[in-house]
Amino acid sequence: MEDNTVIMTFTNGAMSSPGSLLDLFLESFRVGDKTEPLLMHLVVVNMDNKALEQCKRVHPLCYRLDIGGGINFTEEKRFMSRDYLEMMWARNRFQTHVLELSYGFVFTVNTHIAMDAIC
């Protein structure tokens, strides 16, 4: 966007398979009122290779966030488990990096949906 604002969403293999929340999220941009152009500002940040592969099939702006540690982020993580917390801290570190690159975003959380939207 002209003001260095990007829209990001974070997903993993559990949430990005065909017919999943990722597809629904992308479709909402396509059918929304004047929202389709925003897709060119949407970066899908993938927590694992399965999510990255699926993302590349449905969207041109995909990024693989490699946080190491040998944790498998393909599967859904229980809220507040060690792996869940590591995933959240990795997301926060990535968001810090985005700010350091002079991009802005607004972070929203829906606790009932595993896909967070950041714009």
Protein backbone atom coordinates (compact mmCIF):
# COMPACT_ATOMS: atom_id res chain seq x y z
CA MET A 1 0.00 0.00 0.00
CA GLU A 2 1.10 3.55 -0.49
CA ASP A 3 1.59 4.14 3.23
CA ASN A 4 3.78 1.03 3.76
CA THR A 5 0.95 -0.89 5.38
CA VAL A 6 0.69 -4.58 4.59
CA ILE A 7 -2.00 -7.08 5.38
CA MET A 8 -0.70 -10.33 6.82
CA THR A 9 -2.26 -13.50 8.02
CA PHE A 10 -0.51 -16.41 9.70
CA THR A 11 -1.47 -19.99 8.98
CA ASN A 12 -0.23 -23.55 9.30
CA GLY A 13 -0.95 -26.82 7.55
CA ALA A 14 -3.97 -27.51 9.74
CA MET A 15 -5.62 -24.28 8.64
CA SER A 16 -4.60 -24.15 4.98
CA SER A 17 -5.73 -27.39 3.37
CA PRO A 18 -8.18 -27.11 0.44
CA GLY A 19 -11.57 -25.86 1.63
CA SER A 20 -10.11 -24.56 4.89
CA LEU A 21 -10.05 -21.19 6.62
CA LEU A 22 -7.36 -19.93 4.25
CA ASP A 23 -9.64 -20.46 1.25
CA LEU A 24 -12.52 -18.79 3.07
CA PHE A 25 -10.30 -15.87 4.09
CA LEU A 26 -9.09 -15.30 0.51
CA GLU A 27 -12.62 -15.66 -0.86
CA SER A 28 -13.85 -12.95 1.53
CA PHE A 29 -11.49 -10.49 -0.20
CA ARG A 30 -12.75 -11.55 -3.63
CA VAL A 31 -16.45 -11.15 -2.85
CA GLY A 32 -16.28 -8.19 -0.47
CA ASP A 33 -17.27 -4.68 -1.47
CA LYS A 34 -14.16 -3.15 -3.12
CA THR A 35 -11.82 -5.50 -1.22
CA GLU A 36 -10.37 -7.55 -4.08
CA PRO A 37 -7.53 -5.06 -4.81
CA LEU A 38 -6.35 -5.57 -1.23
CA LEU A 39 -5.29 -9.12 -2.13
CA MET A 40 -2.17 -7.65 -3.76
CA HIS A 41 -1.19 -6.32 -0.31
CA LEU A 42 -1.96 -9.55 1.55
CA VAL A 43 1.02 -11.65 2.62
CA VAL A 44 0.22 -15.13 3.91
CA VAL A 45 2.86 -16.10 6.47
CA ASN A 46 3.15 -19.88 6.66
CA MET A 47 4.40 -21.69 9.75
CA ASP A 48 5.27 -24.92 7.92
CA ASN A 49 6.02 -26.32 4.47
CA LYS A 50 2.58 -27.89 4.04
CA ALA A 51 0.96 -24.47 4.49
CA LEU A 52 3.47 -22.86 2.13
CA GLU A 53 2.77 -25.40 -0.61
CA GLN A 54 -0.98 -24.86 -0.30
CA CYS A 55 -0.58 -21.08 -0.16
CA LYS A 56 1.39 -21.05 -3.41
CA ARG A 57 -1.52 -22.85 -5.08
CA VAL A 58 -4.04 -20.16 -4.14
CA HIS A 59 -2.17 -16.86 -3.61
CA PRO A 60 0.93 -15.17 -5.08
CA LEU A 61 2.32 -13.60 -1.87
CA CYS A 62 3.41 -16.41 0.45
CA TYR A 63 6.21 -16.37 3.01
CA ARG A 64 7.59 -19.31 5.00
CA LEU A 65 8.44 -18.32 8.58
CA ASP A 66 11.12 -20.74 9.71
CA ILE A 67 11.49 -20.61 13.48
CA GLY A 68 13.59 -23.74 13.92
CA GLY A 69 13.58 -25.76 17.11
CA GLY A 70 12.32 -28.92 15.44
CA ILE A 71 8.69 -28.15 16.27
CA ASN A 72 6.13 -29.43 13.77
CA PHE A 73 3.67 -26.59 13.14
CA THR A 74 1.71 -28.52 10.50
CA GLU A 75 -0.81 -29.65 13.11
CA GLU A 76 -3.02 -27.50 15.28
CA LYS A 77 -1.47 -26.70 18.68
CA ARG A 78 -3.36 -26.75 21.97
CA PHE A 79 -3.90 -23.29 23.41
CA MET A 80 -1.12 -22.34 25.84
CA SER A 81 0.91 -25.52 25.19
CA ARG A 82 4.69 -25.11 24.84
CA ASP A 83 4.51 -25.42 21.04
CA TYR A 84 1.61 -22.96 20.85
CA LEU A 85 3.52 -20.40 22.89
CA GLU A 86 6.63 -20.85 20.72
CA MET A 87 4.50 -20.27 17.64
CA MET A 88 3.04 -17.08 19.16
CA TRP A 89 6.49 -15.76 20.18
CA ALA A 90 7.81 -16.47 16.67
CA ARG A 91 4.89 -14.53 15.24
CA ASN A 92 5.62 -11.62 17.59
CA ARG A 93 9.31 -11.59 16.61
CA PHE A 94 8.31 -11.56 12.96
CA GLN A 95 5.92 -8.67 13.54
CA THR A 96 8.75 -6.76 15.22
CA HIS A 97 10.90 -7.36 12.15
CA VAL A 98 8.13 -6.04 9.88
CA LEU A 99 8.01 -2.84 11.96
CA GLU A 100 11.81 -2.54 11.76
CA LEU A 101 11.45 -2.59 7.95
CA SER A 102 9.22 0.52 8.24
CA TYR A 103 5.97 -1.28 7.46
CA GLY A 104 2.90 -0.85 9.59
CA PHE A 105 0.09 -3.17 10.57
CA VAL A 106 -2.95 -3.43 12.81
CA PHE A 107 -3.24 -6.69 14.69
CA THR A 108 -6.62 -8.22 15.39
CA VAL A 109 -7.33 -11.52 17.12
CA ASN A 110 -10.42 -13.67 16.96
CA THR A 111 -10.10 -16.39 19.60
CA HIS A 112 -12.69 -18.57 17.84
CA ILE A 113 -10.82 -18.64 14.54
CA ALA A 114 -7.23 -19.82 14.29
CA MET A 115 -6.34 -17.39 11.52
CA ASP A 116 -5.29 -13.96 12.77
CA ALA A 117 -5.59 -11.02 10.42
CA ILE A 118 -3.04 -8.27 10.55
CA CYS A 119 -3.38 -5.14 8.48
